[in-house]
Amino acid sequence: MATGVNGENRSAAEPHIIVRDLTMAYGSFVLMRDLNFVVRRGDIFIIMGGSGCGKSTLLLHLIGLKDPATGEIVYGDINFTRAEPSSARVCCGGSESCTRAARCGAR
């Protein structure tokens, strides 16, 4: 059983961010394929890798500045990759300047 810093049961923590079958690409160049992971509420999650391996591109996908080639990103129970601007604002704290909401509103 995984435990958090304060001894709480980490395996019982609810998923906060779910990435399913995410494929990141620039045109026909596929950078990463079929990426899957879950970040649970309270987890410390680290993205590590060498120069040019896709760390920044993953973050661009997670905040909605780049659309995935395939797959989905879910925050709580909202599919962020398909969210309407008002729903996306809920994901990022309700800010009008939320990157996904601002980008979706500009379409």
PDB file of N, CA and C in Angstrom:
ATOM      1  N   MET A   1       0.847  -1.174   0.000  1.00  0.00           N
ATOM      2  CA  MET A   1       0.000   0.000   0.000  1.00  0.00           C
ATOM      3  C   MET A   1       0.893   1.237   0.000  1.00  0.00           C
ATOM      4  N   ALA A   2       0.612   2.161  -0.899  1.00  0.00           N
ATOM      5  CA  ALA A   2       1.361   3.413  -0.969  1.00  0.00           C
ATOM      6  C   ALA A   2       0.828   4.378   0.081  1.00  0.00           C
ATOM      7  N   THR A   3       1.744   5.074   0.749  1.00  0.00           N
ATOM      8  CA  THR A   3       1.313   6.052   1.748  1.00  0.00           C
ATOM      9  C   THR A   3       1.895   7.408   1.424  1.00  0.00           C
ATOM     10  N   GLY A   4       1.174   8.439   1.813  1.00  0.00           N
ATOM     11  CA  GLY A   4       1.619   9.808   1.599  1.00  0.00           C
ATOM     12  C   GLY A   4       2.553  10.253   2.706  1.00  0.00           C
ATOM     13  N   VAL A   5       2.988  11.487   2.656  1.00  0.00           N
ATOM     14  CA  VAL A   5       3.917  12.052   3.628  1.00  0.00           C
ATOM     15  C   VAL A   5       3.355  11.959   5.042  1.00  0.00           C
ATOM     16  N   ASN A   6       2.056  12.167   5.208  1.00  0.00           N
ATOM     17  CA  ASN A   6       1.430  12.142   6.529  1.00  0.00           C
ATOM     18  C   ASN A   6       0.883  10.774   6.898  1.00  0.00           C
ATOM     19  N   GLY A   7       1.251   9.734   6.150  1.00  0.00           N
ATOM     20  CA  GLY A   7       0.835   8.381   6.455  1.00  0.00           C
ATOM     21  C   GLY A   7      -0.532   7.994   5.921  1.00  0.00           C
ATOM     22  N   GLU A   8      -1.192   8.869   5.162  1.00  0.00           N
ATOM     23  CA  GLU A   8      -2.526   8.542   4.633  1.00  0.00           C
ATOM     24  C   GLU A   8      -2.397   7.508   3.509  1.00  0.00           C
ATOM     25  N   ASN A   9      -3.456   6.774   3.293  1.00  0.00           N
ATOM     26  CA  ASN A   9      -3.494   5.741   2.258  1.00  0.00           C
ATOM     27  C   ASN A   9      -3.580   6.387   0.887  1.00  0.00           C
ATOM     28  N   ARG A  10      -2.478   6.402   0.120  1.00  0.00           N
ATOM     29  CA  ARG A  10      -2.439   7.047  -1.191  1.00  0.00           C
ATOM     30  C   ARG A  10      -3.201   6.253  -2.242  1.00  0.00           C
ATOM     31  N   SER A  11      -3.309   4.931  -2.084  1.00  0.00           N
ATOM     32  CA  SER A  11      -4.004   4.137  -3.098  1.00  0.00           C
ATOM     33  C   SER A  11      -5.498   4.436  -3.115  1.00  0.00           C
ATOM     34  N   ALA A  12      -6.023   4.986  -2.018  1.00  0.00           N
ATOM     35  CA  ALA A  12      -7.448   5.306  -1.944  1.00  0.00           C
ATOM     36  C   ALA A  12      -7.748   6.730  -2.416  1.00  0.00           C
ATOM     37  N   ALA A  13      -6.715   7.532  -2.659  1.00  0.00           N
ATOM     38  CA  ALA A  13      -6.937   8.917  -3.087  1.00  0.00           C
ATOM     39  C   ALA A  13      -7.598   8.928  -4.463  1.00  0.00           C
ATOM     40  N   GLU A  14      -8.494   9.884  -4.664  1.00  0.00           N
ATOM     41  CA  GLU A  14      -9.225   9.962  -5.931  1.00  0.00           C
ATOM     42  C   GLU A  14      -8.324  10.473  -7.054  1.00  0.00           C
ATOM     43  N   PRO A  15      -8.524   9.957  -8.262  1.00  0.00           N
ATOM     44  CA  PRO A  15      -7.753  10.478  -9.407  1.00  0.00           C
ATOM     45  C   PRO A  15      -8.110  11.941  -9.651  1.00  0.00           C
ATOM     46  N   HIS A  16      -7.099  12.766  -9.882  1.00  0.00           N
ATOM     47  CA  HIS A  16      -7.330  14.186 -10.155  1.00  0.00           C
ATOM     48  C   HIS A  16      -7.078  14.492 -11.633  1.00  0.00           C
ATOM     49  N   ILE A  17      -6.025  13.917 -12.197  1.00  0.00           N
ATOM     50  CA  ILE A  17      -5.721  14.065 -13.618  1.00  0.00           C
ATOM     51  C   ILE A  17      -5.545  12.666 -14.195  1.00  0.00           C
ATOM     52  N   ILE A  18      -6.270  12.402 -15.277  1.00  0.00           N
ATOM     53  CA  ILE A  18      -6.158  11.108 -15.960  1.00  0.00           C
ATOM     54  C   ILE A  18      -5.788  11.376 -17.416  1.00  0.00           C
ATOM     55  N   VAL A  19      -4.715  10.763 -17.863  1.00  0.00           N
ATOM     56  CA  VAL A  19      -4.291  10.856 -19.256  1.00  0.00           C
ATOM     57  C   VAL A  19      -4.472   9.471 -19.858  1.00  0.00           C
ATOM     58  N   ARG A  20      -5.285   9.391 -20.924  1.00  0.00           N
ATOM     59  CA  ARG A  20      -5.605   8.103 -21.552  1.00  0.00           C
ATOM     60  C   ARG A  20      -5.210   8.098 -23.017  1.00  0.00           C
ATOM     61  N   ASP A  21      -4.365   7.150 -23.369  1.00  0.00           N
ATOM     62  CA  ASP A  21      -3.996   6.899 -24.777  1.00  0.00           C
ATOM     63  C   ASP A  21      -3.569   8.174 -25.505  1.00  0.00           C
ATOM     64  N   LEU A  22      -2.843   9.048 -24.816  1.00  0.00           N
ATOM     65  CA  LEU A  22      -2.418  10.322 -25.401  1.00  0.00           C
ATOM     66  C   LEU A  22      -1.291  10.097 -26.409  1.00  0.00           C
ATOM     67  N   THR A  23      -1.507  10.573 -27.622  1.00  0.00           N
ATOM     68  CA  THR A  23      -0.460  10.593 -28.640  1.00  0.00           C
ATOM     69  C   THR A  23      -0.202  12.047 -28.979  1.00  0.00           C
ATOM     70  N   MET A  24       1.072  12.443 -28.854  1.00  0.00           N
ATOM     71  CA  MET A  24       1.477  13.816 -29.136  1.00  0.00           C
ATOM     72  C   MET A  24       2.274  13.816 -30.426  1.00  0.00           C
ATOM     73  N   ALA A  25       1.924  14.729 -31.333  1.00  0.00           N
ATOM     74  CA  ALA A  25       2.587  14.771 -32.634  1.00  0.00           C
ATOM     75  C   ALA A  25       2.708  16.200 -33.118  1.00  0.00           C
ATOM     76  N   TYR A  26       3.721  16.425 -33.912  1.00  0.00           N
ATOM     77  CA  TYR A  26       3.881  17.656 -34.671  1.00  0.00           C
ATOM     78  C   TYR A  26       3.753  17.255 -36.131  1.00  0.00           C
ATOM     79  N   GLY A  27       2.587  17.490 -36.710  1.00  0.00           N
ATOM     80  CA  GLY A  27       2.333  17.039 -38.075  1.00  0.00           C
ATOM     81  C   GLY A  27       2.381  15.519 -38.121  1.00  0.00           C
ATOM     82  N   SER A  28       3.182  14.973 -39.017  1.00  0.00           N
ATOM     83  CA  SER A  28       3.281  13.515 -39.140  1.00  0.00           C
ATOM     84  C   SER A  28       4.338  12.922 -38.200  1.00  0.00           C
ATOM     85  N   PHE A  29       5.109  13.787 -37.509  1.00  0.00           N
ATOM     86  CA  PHE A  29       6.128  13.298 -36.578  1.00  0.00           C
ATOM     87  C   PHE A  29       5.485  13.027 -35.223  1.00  0.00           C
ATOM     88  N   VAL A  30       5.426  11.752 -34.833  1.00  0.00           N
ATOM     89  CA  VAL A  30       4.842  11.358 -33.556  1.00  0.00           C
ATOM     90  C   VAL A  30       5.932  11.400 -32.490  1.00  0.00           C
ATOM     91  N   LEU A  31       5.712  12.236 -31.479  1.00  0.00           N
ATOM     92  CA  LEU A  31       6.688  12.408 -30.412  1.00  0.00           C
ATOM     93  C   LEU A  31       6.528  11.336 -29.338  1.00  0.00           C
ATOM     94  N   MET A  32       5.295  11.092 -28.904  1.00  0.00           N
ATOM     95  CA  MET A  32       4.977  10.036 -27.935  1.00  0.00           C
ATOM     96  C   MET A  32       3.651   9.423 -28.334  1.00  0.00           C
ATOM     97  N   ARG A  33       3.546   8.130 -28.106  1.00  0.00           N
ATOM     98  CA  ARG A  33       2.351   7.403 -28.504  1.00  0.00           C
ATOM     99  C   ARG A  33       1.794   6.625 -27.310  1.00  0.00           C
ATOM    100  N   ASP A  34       0.471   6.644 -27.160  1.00  0.00           N
ATOM    101  CA  ASP A  34      -0.239   5.834 -26.166  1.00  0.00           C
ATOM    102  C   ASP A  34       0.244   6.059 -24.742  1.00  0.00           C
ATOM    103  N   LEU A  35       0.357   7.313 -24.344  1.00  0.00           N
ATOM    104  CA  LEU A  35       0.790   7.673 -22.999  1.00  0.00           C
ATOM    105  C   LEU A  35      -0.409   7.582 -22.056  1.00  0.00           C
ATOM    106  N   ASN A  36      -0.242   6.872 -20.951  1.00  0.00           N
ATOM    107  CA  ASN A  36      -1.296   6.698 -19.956  1.00  0.00           C
ATOM    108  C   ASN A  36      -0.720   6.911 -18.562  1.00  0.00           C
ATOM    109  N   PHE A  37      -1.380   7.757 -17.763  1.00  0.00           N
ATOM    110  CA  PHE A  37      -1.002   7.891 -16.360  1.00  0.00           C
ATOM    111  C   PHE A  37      -2.127   8.557 -15.582  1.00  0.00           C
ATOM    112  N   VAL A  38      -2.073   8.400 -14.255  1.00  0.00           N
ATOM    113  CA  VAL A  38      -3.050   8.994 -13.353  1.00  0.00           C
ATOM    114  C   VAL A  38      -2.279   9.752 -12.274  1.00  0.00           C
ATOM    115  N   VAL A  39      -2.695  10.978 -12.007  1.00  0.00           N
ATOM    116  CA  VAL A  39      -2.161  11.739 -10.894  1.00  0.00           C
ATOM    117  C   VAL A  39      -3.293  11.862  -9.880  1.00  0.00           C
ATOM    118  N   ARG A  40      -3.078  11.317  -8.703  1.00  0.00           N
ATOM    119  CA  ARG A  40      -4.117  11.358  -7.674  1.00  0.00           C
ATOM    120  C   ARG A  40      -3.975  12.625  -6.836  1.00  0.00           C
ATOM    121  N   ARG A  41      -5.077  13.074  -6.285  1.00  0.00           N
ATOM    122  CA  ARG A  41      -5.079  14.281  -5.459  1.00  0.00           C
ATOM    123  C   ARG A  41      -4.039  14.106  -4.348  1.00  0.00           C
ATOM    124  N   GLY A  42      -3.153  15.095  -4.220  1.00  0.00           N
ATOM    125  CA  GLY A  42      -2.127  15.055  -3.184  1.00  0.00           C
ATOM    126  C   GLY A  42      -0.815  14.433  -3.620  1.00  0.00           C
ATOM    127  N   ASP A  43      -0.784  13.824  -4.800  1.00  0.00           N
ATOM    128  CA  ASP A  43       0.451  13.224  -5.301  1.00  0.00           C
ATOM    129  C   ASP A  43       1.463  14.291  -5.694  1.00  0.00           C
ATOM    130  N   ILE A  44       2.710  13.921  -5.621  1.00  0.00           N
ATOM    131  CA  ILE A  44       3.785  14.708  -6.218  1.00  0.00           C
ATOM    132  C   ILE A  44       4.164  13.964  -7.484  1.00  0.00           C
ATOM    133  N   PHE A  45       4.046  14.626  -8.623  1.00  0.00           N
ATOM    134  CA  PHE A  45       4.255  13.987  -9.923  1.00  0.00           C
ATOM    135  C   PHE A  45       5.385  14.703 -10.636  1.00  0.00           C
ATOM    136  N   ILE A  46       6.371  13.954 -11.083  1.00  0.00           N
ATOM    137  CA  ILE A  46       7.549  14.538 -11.717  1.00  0.00           C
ATOM    138  C   ILE A  46       7.631  14.092 -13.167  1.00  0.00           C
ATOM    139  N   ILE A  47       7.899  15.036 -14.050  1.00  0.00           N
ATOM    140  CA  ILE A  47       8.131  14.730 -15.465  1.00  0.00           C
ATOM    141  C   ILE A  47       9.619  14.925 -15.703  1.00  0.00           C
ATOM    142  N   MET A  48      10.311  13.834 -15.996  1.00  0.00           N
ATOM    143  CA  MET A  48      11.759  13.885 -16.192  1.00  0.00           C
ATOM    144  C   MET A  48      12.130  13.336 -17.552  1.00  0.00           C
ATOM    145  N   GLY A  49      13.231  13.805 -18.087  1.00  0.00           N
ATOM    146  CA  GLY A  49      13.737  13.274 -19.345  1.00  0.00           C
ATOM    147  C   GLY A  49      14.796  14.181 -19.928  1.00  0.00           C
ATOM    148  N   GLY A  50      15.435  13.686 -20.925  1.00  0.00           N
ATOM    149  CA  GLY A  50      16.498  14.420 -21.587  1.00  0.00           C
ATOM    150  C   GLY A  50      15.960  15.541 -22.458  1.00  0.00           C
ATOM    151  N   SER A  51      16.868  16.338 -22.944  1.00  0.00           N
ATOM    152  CA  SER A  51      16.531  17.451 -23.813  1.00  0.00           C
ATOM    153  C   SER A  51      15.829  16.941 -25.077  1.00  0.00           C
ATOM    154  N   GLY A  52      14.691  17.542 -25.392  1.00  0.00           N
ATOM    155  CA  GLY A  52      13.975  17.200 -26.620  1.00  0.00           C
ATOM    156  C   GLY A  52      13.118  15.954 -26.554  1.00  0.00           C
ATOM    157  N   CYS A  53      12.879  15.416 -25.359  1.00  0.00           N
ATOM    158  CA  CYS A  53      12.117  14.159 -25.277  1.00  0.00           C
ATOM    159  C   CYS A  53      10.607  14.357 -25.182  1.00  0.00           C
ATOM    160  N   GLY A  54      10.137  15.620 -24.984  1.00  0.00           N
ATOM    161  CA  GLY A  54       8.699  15.867 -24.980  1.00  0.00           C
ATOM    162  C   GLY A  54       8.113  16.359 -23.676  1.00  0.00           C
ATOM    163  N   LYS A  55       8.941  16.712 -22.702  1.00  0.00           N
ATOM    164  CA  LYS A  55       8.424  17.195 -21.416  1.00  0.00           C
ATOM    165  C   LYS A  55       7.578  18.453 -21.584  1.00  0.00           C
ATOM    166  N   SER A  56       8.102  19.439 -22.277  1.00  0.00           N
ATOM    167  CA  SER A  56       7.361  20.697 -22.482  1.00  0.00           C
ATOM    168  C   SER A  56       6.125  20.476 -23.342  1.00  0.00           C
ATOM    169  N   THR A  57       6.231  19.612 -24.315  1.00  0.00           N
ATOM    170  CA  THR A  57       5.078  19.300 -25.165  1.00  0.00           C
ATOM    171  C   THR A  57       3.971  18.650 -24.338  1.00  0.00           C
ATOM    172  N   LEU A  58       4.328  17.763 -23.422  1.00  0.00           N
ATOM    173  CA  LEU A  58       3.333  17.155 -22.537  1.00  0.00           C
ATOM    174  C   LEU A  58       2.642  18.235 -21.710  1.00  0.00           C
ATOM    175  N   LEU A  59       3.414  19.164 -21.161  1.00  0.00           N
ATOM    176  CA  LEU A  59       2.808  20.242 -20.373  1.00  0.00           C
ATOM    177  C   LEU A  59       1.888  21.117 -21.232  1.00  0.00           C
ATOM    178  N   LEU A  60       2.276  21.381 -22.474  1.00  0.00           N
ATOM    179  CA  LEU A  60       1.409  22.148 -23.379  1.00  0.00           C
ATOM    180  C   LEU A  60       0.082  21.434 -23.598  1.00  0.00           C
ATOM    181  N   HIS A  61       0.107  20.109 -23.687  1.00  0.00           N
ATOM    182  CA  HIS A  61      -1.124  19.331 -23.819  1.00  0.00           C
ATOM    183  C   HIS A  61      -1.943  19.398 -22.530  1.00  0.00           C
ATOM    184  N   LEU A  62      -1.268  19.272 -21.384  1.00  0.00           N
ATOM    185  CA  LEU A  62      -1.975  19.252 -20.107  1.00  0.00           C
ATOM    186  C   LEU A  62      -2.685  20.569 -19.804  1.00  0.00           C
ATOM    187  N   ILE A  63      -2.141  21.693 -20.280  1.00  0.00           N
ATOM    188  CA  ILE A  63      -2.795  22.981 -20.013  1.00  0.00           C
ATOM    189  C   ILE A  63      -3.649  23.452 -21.177  1.00  0.00           C
ATOM    190  N   GLY A  64      -3.738  22.658 -22.238  1.00  0.00           N
ATOM    191  CA  GLY A  64      -4.660  22.963 -23.321  1.00  0.00           C
ATOM    192  C   GLY A  64      -4.123  23.865 -24.413  1.00  0.00           C
ATOM    193  N   LEU A  65      -2.831  24.102 -24.453  1.00  0.00           N
ATOM    194  CA  LEU A  65      -2.284  24.935 -25.524  1.00  0.00           C
ATOM    195  C   LEU A  65      -2.002  24.149 -26.792  1.00  0.00           C
ATOM    196  N   LYS A  66      -2.003  22.834 -26.688  1.00  0.00           N
ATOM    197  CA  LYS A  66      -1.807  21.982 -27.859  1.00  0.00           C
ATOM    198  C   LYS A  66      -2.799  20.830 -27.775  1.00  0.00           C
ATOM    199  N   ASP A  67      -3.490  20.575 -28.874  1.00  0.00           N
ATOM    200  CA  ASP A  67      -4.443  19.468 -28.919  1.00  0.00           C
ATOM    201  C   ASP A  67      -3.710  18.168 -29.205  1.00  0.00           C
ATOM    202  N   PRO A  68      -4.122  17.078 -28.556  1.00  0.00           N
ATOM    203  CA  PRO A  68      -3.484  15.796 -28.823  1.00  0.00           C
ATOM    204  C   PRO A  68      -3.858  15.252 -30.198  1.00  0.00           C
ATOM    205  N   ALA A  69      -2.962  14.451 -30.777  1.00  0.00           N
ATOM    206  CA  ALA A  69      -3.285  13.756 -32.029  1.00  0.00           C
ATOM    207  C   ALA A  69      -4.400  12.753 -31.750  1.00  0.00           C
ATOM    208  N   THR A  70      -4.272  12.033 -30.639  1.00  0.00           N
ATOM    209  CA  THR A  70      -5.324  11.124 -30.159  1.00  0.00           C
ATOM    210  C   THR A  70      -5.264  11.103 -28.642  1.00  0.00           C
ATOM    211  N   GLY A  71      -6.297  10.579 -28.035  1.00  0.00           N
ATOM    212  CA  GLY A  71      -6.330  10.424 -26.595  1.00  0.00           C
ATOM    213  C   GLY A  71      -7.081  11.542 -25.912  1.00  0.00           C
ATOM    214  N   GLU A  72      -7.072  11.480 -24.576  1.00  0.00           N
ATOM    215  CA  GLU A  72      -7.816  12.463 -23.807  1.00  0.00           C
ATOM    216  C   GLU A  72      -7.141  12.756 -22.477  1.00  0.00           C
ATOM    217  N   ILE A  73      -7.440  13.944 -21.961  1.00  0.00           N
ATOM    218  CA  ILE A  73      -6.959  14.390 -20.665  1.00  0.00           C
ATOM    219  C   ILE A  73      -8.191  14.746 -19.855  1.00  0.00           C
ATOM    220  N   VAL A  74      -8.319  14.136 -18.676  1.00  0.00           N
ATOM    221  CA  VAL A  74      -9.500  14.319 -17.850  1.00  0.00           C
ATOM    222  C   VAL A  74      -9.073  14.918 -16.505  1.00  0.00           C
ATOM    223  N   TYR A  75      -9.721  16.024 -16.119  1.00  0.00           N
ATOM    224  CA  TYR A  75      -9.524  16.636 -14.816  1.00  0.00           C
ATOM    225  C   TYR A  75     -10.779  16.375 -14.002  1.00  0.00           C
ATOM    226  N   GLY A  76     -10.654  15.600 -12.925  1.00  0.00           N
ATOM    227  CA  GLY A  76     -11.834  15.227 -12.149  1.00  0.00           C
ATOM    228  C   GLY A  76     -12.762  14.414 -13.033  1.00  0.00           C
ATOM    229  N   ASP A  77     -13.941  14.946 -13.318  1.00  0.00           N
ATOM    230  CA  ASP A  77     -14.876  14.237 -14.203  1.00  0.00           C
ATOM    231  C   ASP A  77     -15.108  15.000 -15.509  1.00  0.00           C
ATOM    232  N   ILE A  78     -14.248  15.981 -15.809  1.00  0.00           N
ATOM    233  CA  ILE A  78     -14.393  16.769 -17.035  1.00  0.00           C
ATOM    234  C   ILE A  78     -13.309  16.389 -18.033  1.00  0.00           C
ATOM    235  N   ASN A  79     -13.741  16.000 -19.229  1.00  0.00           N
ATOM    236  CA  ASN A  79     -12.789  15.693 -20.299  1.00  0.00           C
ATOM    237  C   ASN A  79     -12.275  17.012 -20.853  1.00  0.00           C
ATOM    238  N   PHE A  80     -11.054  17.373 -20.467  1.00  0.00           N
ATOM    239  CA  PHE A  80     -10.475  18.675 -20.796  1.00  0.00           C
ATOM    240  C   PHE A  80     -10.218  18.819 -22.290  1.00  0.00           C
ATOM    241  N   THR A  81      -9.962  17.724 -22.987  1.00  0.00           N
ATOM    242  CA  THR A  81      -9.680  17.803 -24.419  1.00  0.00           C
ATOM    243  C   THR A  81     -10.928  18.086 -25.234  1.00  0.00           C
ATOM    244  N   ARG A  82     -12.110  17.872 -24.653  1.00  0.00           N
ATOM    245  CA  ARG A  82     -13.360  18.115 -25.367  1.00  0.00           C
ATOM    246  C   ARG A  82     -14.236  19.154 -24.686  1.00  0.00           C
ATOM    247  N   ALA A  83     -13.720  19.807 -23.648  1.00  0.00           N
ATOM    248  CA  ALA A  83     -14.533  20.698 -22.820  1.00  0.00           C
ATOM    249  C   ALA A  83     -14.903  21.990 -23.535  1.00  0.00           C
ATOM    250  N   GLU A  84     -16.097  22.458 -23.249  1.00  0.00           N
ATOM    251  CA  GLU A  84     -16.514  23.796 -23.664  1.00  0.00           C
ATOM    252  C   GLU A  84     -15.739  24.798 -22.810  1.00  0.00           C
ATOM    253  N   PRO A  85     -15.594  26.027 -23.264  1.00  0.00           N
ATOM    254  CA  PRO A  85     -14.828  27.017 -22.486  1.00  0.00           C
ATOM    255  C   PRO A  85     -15.283  27.162 -21.036  1.00  0.00           C
ATOM    256  N   SER A  86     -16.595  27.160 -20.771  1.00  0.00           N
ATOM    257  CA  SER A  86     -17.067  27.330 -19.392  1.00  0.00           C
ATOM    258  C   SER A  86     -16.675  26.146 -18.518  1.00  0.00           C
ATOM    259  N   SER A  87     -16.710  24.933 -19.058  1.00  0.00           N
ATOM    260  CA  SER A  87     -16.294  23.752 -18.309  1.00  0.00           C
ATOM    261  C   SER A  87     -14.794  23.753 -18.092  1.00  0.00           C
ATOM    262  N   ALA A  88     -14.037  24.186 -19.078  1.00  0.00           N
ATOM    263  CA  ALA A  88     -12.582  24.222 -18.958  1.00  0.00           C
ATOM    264  C   ALA A  88     -12.163  25.214 -17.884  1.00  0.00           C
ATOM    265  N   ARG A  89     -12.902  26.328 -17.743  1.00  0.00           N
ATOM    266  CA  ARG A  89     -12.587  27.297 -16.690  1.00  0.00           C
ATOM    267  C   ARG A  89     -12.726  26.668 -15.321  1.00  0.00           C
ATOM    268  N   VAL A  90     -13.715  25.774 -15.155  1.00  0.00           N
ATOM    269  CA  VAL A  90     -13.896  25.087 -13.885  1.00  0.00           C
ATOM    270  C   VAL A  90     -12.654  24.259 -13.573  1.00  0.00           C
ATOM    271  N   CYS A  91     -12.076  23.619 -14.587  1.00  0.00           N
ATOM    272  CA  CYS A  91     -10.885  22.795 -14.405  1.00  0.00           C
ATOM    273  C   CYS A  91      -9.714  23.605 -13.886  1.00  0.00           C
ATOM    274  N   CYS A  92      -9.578  24.826 -14.352  1.00  0.00           N
ATOM    275  CA  CYS A  92      -8.393  25.607 -13.983  1.00  0.00           C
ATOM    276  C   CYS A  92      -8.732  26.707 -12.996  1.00  0.00           C
ATOM    277  N   GLY A  93      -9.698  26.459 -12.140  1.00  0.00           N
ATOM    278  CA  GLY A  93      -9.953  27.364 -11.031  1.00  0.00           C
ATOM    279  C   GLY A  93     -10.889  28.519 -11.300  1.00  0.00           C
ATOM    280  N   GLY A  94     -11.550  28.532 -12.448  1.00  0.00           N
ATOM    281  CA  GLY A  94     -12.530  29.569 -12.724  1.00  0.00           C
ATOM    282  C   GLY A  94     -11.979  30.850 -13.298  1.00  0.00           C
ATOM    283  N   SER A  95     -10.698  30.898 -13.567  1.00  0.00           N
ATOM    284  CA  SER A  95     -10.083  32.118 -14.073  1.00  0.00           C
ATOM    285  C   SER A  95     -10.500  32.376 -15.511  1.00  0.00           C
ATOM    286  N   GLU A  96     -10.884  33.606 -15.811  1.00  0.00           N
ATOM    287  CA  GLU A  96     -11.221  33.986 -17.184  1.00  0.00           C
ATOM    288  C   GLU A  96     -10.002  33.896 -18.095  1.00  0.00           C
ATOM    289  N   SER A  97      -8.817  34.006 -17.513  1.00  0.00           N
ATOM    290  CA  SER A  97      -7.603  33.968 -18.323  1.00  0.00           C
ATOM    291  C   SER A  97      -7.035  32.559 -18.466  1.00  0.00           C
ATOM    292  N   CYS A  98      -7.765  31.559 -18.000  1.00  0.00           N
ATOM    293  CA  CYS A  98      -7.320  30.166 -18.130  1.00  0.00           C
ATOM    294  C   CYS A  98      -6.964  29.883 -19.583  1.00  0.00           C
ATOM    295  N   THR A  99      -5.836  29.273 -19.819  1.00  0.00           N
ATOM    296  CA  THR A  99      -5.343  29.105 -21.183  1.00  0.00           C
ATOM    297  C   THR A  99      -6.311  28.330 -22.064  1.00  0.00           C
ATOM    298  N   ARG A 100      -6.867  27.243 -21.593  1.00  0.00           N
ATOM    299  CA  ARG A 100      -7.792  26.449 -22.412  1.00  0.00           C
ATOM    300  C   ARG A 100      -9.049  27.258 -22.724  1.00  0.00           C
ATOM    301  N   ALA A 101      -9.592  27.930 -21.707  1.00  0.00           N
ATOM    302  CA  ALA A 101     -10.820  28.699 -21.920  1.00  0.00           C
ATOM    303  C   ALA A 101     -10.571  29.858 -22.891  1.00  0.00           C
ATOM    304  N   ALA A 102      -9.455  30.542 -22.728  1.00  0.00           N
ATOM    305  CA  ALA A 102      -9.148  31.667 -23.617  1.00  0.00           C
ATOM    306  C   ALA A 102      -8.952  31.172 -25.041  1.00  0.00           C
ATOM    307  N   ARG A 103      -8.280  30.034 -25.203  1.00  0.00           N
ATOM    308  CA  ARG A 103      -8.029  29.484 -26.523  1.00  0.00           C
ATOM    309  C   ARG A 103      -9.324  29.015 -27.170  1.00  0.00           C
ATOM    310  N   CYS A 104     -10.171  28.342 -26.392  1.00  0.00           N
ATOM    311  CA  CYS A 104     -11.442  27.855 -26.938  1.00  0.00           C
ATOM    312  C   CYS A 104     -12.355  29.021 -27.304  1.00  0.00           C
ATOM    313  N   GLY A 105     -12.321  30.082 -26.499  1.00  0.00           N
ATOM    314  CA  GLY A 105     -13.157  31.239 -26.789  1.00  0.00           C
ATOM    315  C   GLY A 105     -12.705  31.988 -28.019  1.00  0.00           C
ATOM    316  N   ALA A 106     -11.446  31.821 -28.393  1.00  0.00           N
ATOM    317  CA  ALA A 106     -10.907  32.547 -29.549  1.00  0.00           C
ATOM    318  C   ALA A 106     -11.210  31.852 -30.868  1.00  0.00           C
ATOM    319  N   ARG A 107     -11.743  30.658 -30.811  1.00  0.00           N
ATOM    320  CA  ARG A 107     -12.031  29.906 -32.042  1.00  0.00           C
ATOM    321  C   ARG A 107     -13.153  30.511 -32.803  1.00  0.00           C
TER     322      ARG A 107
END
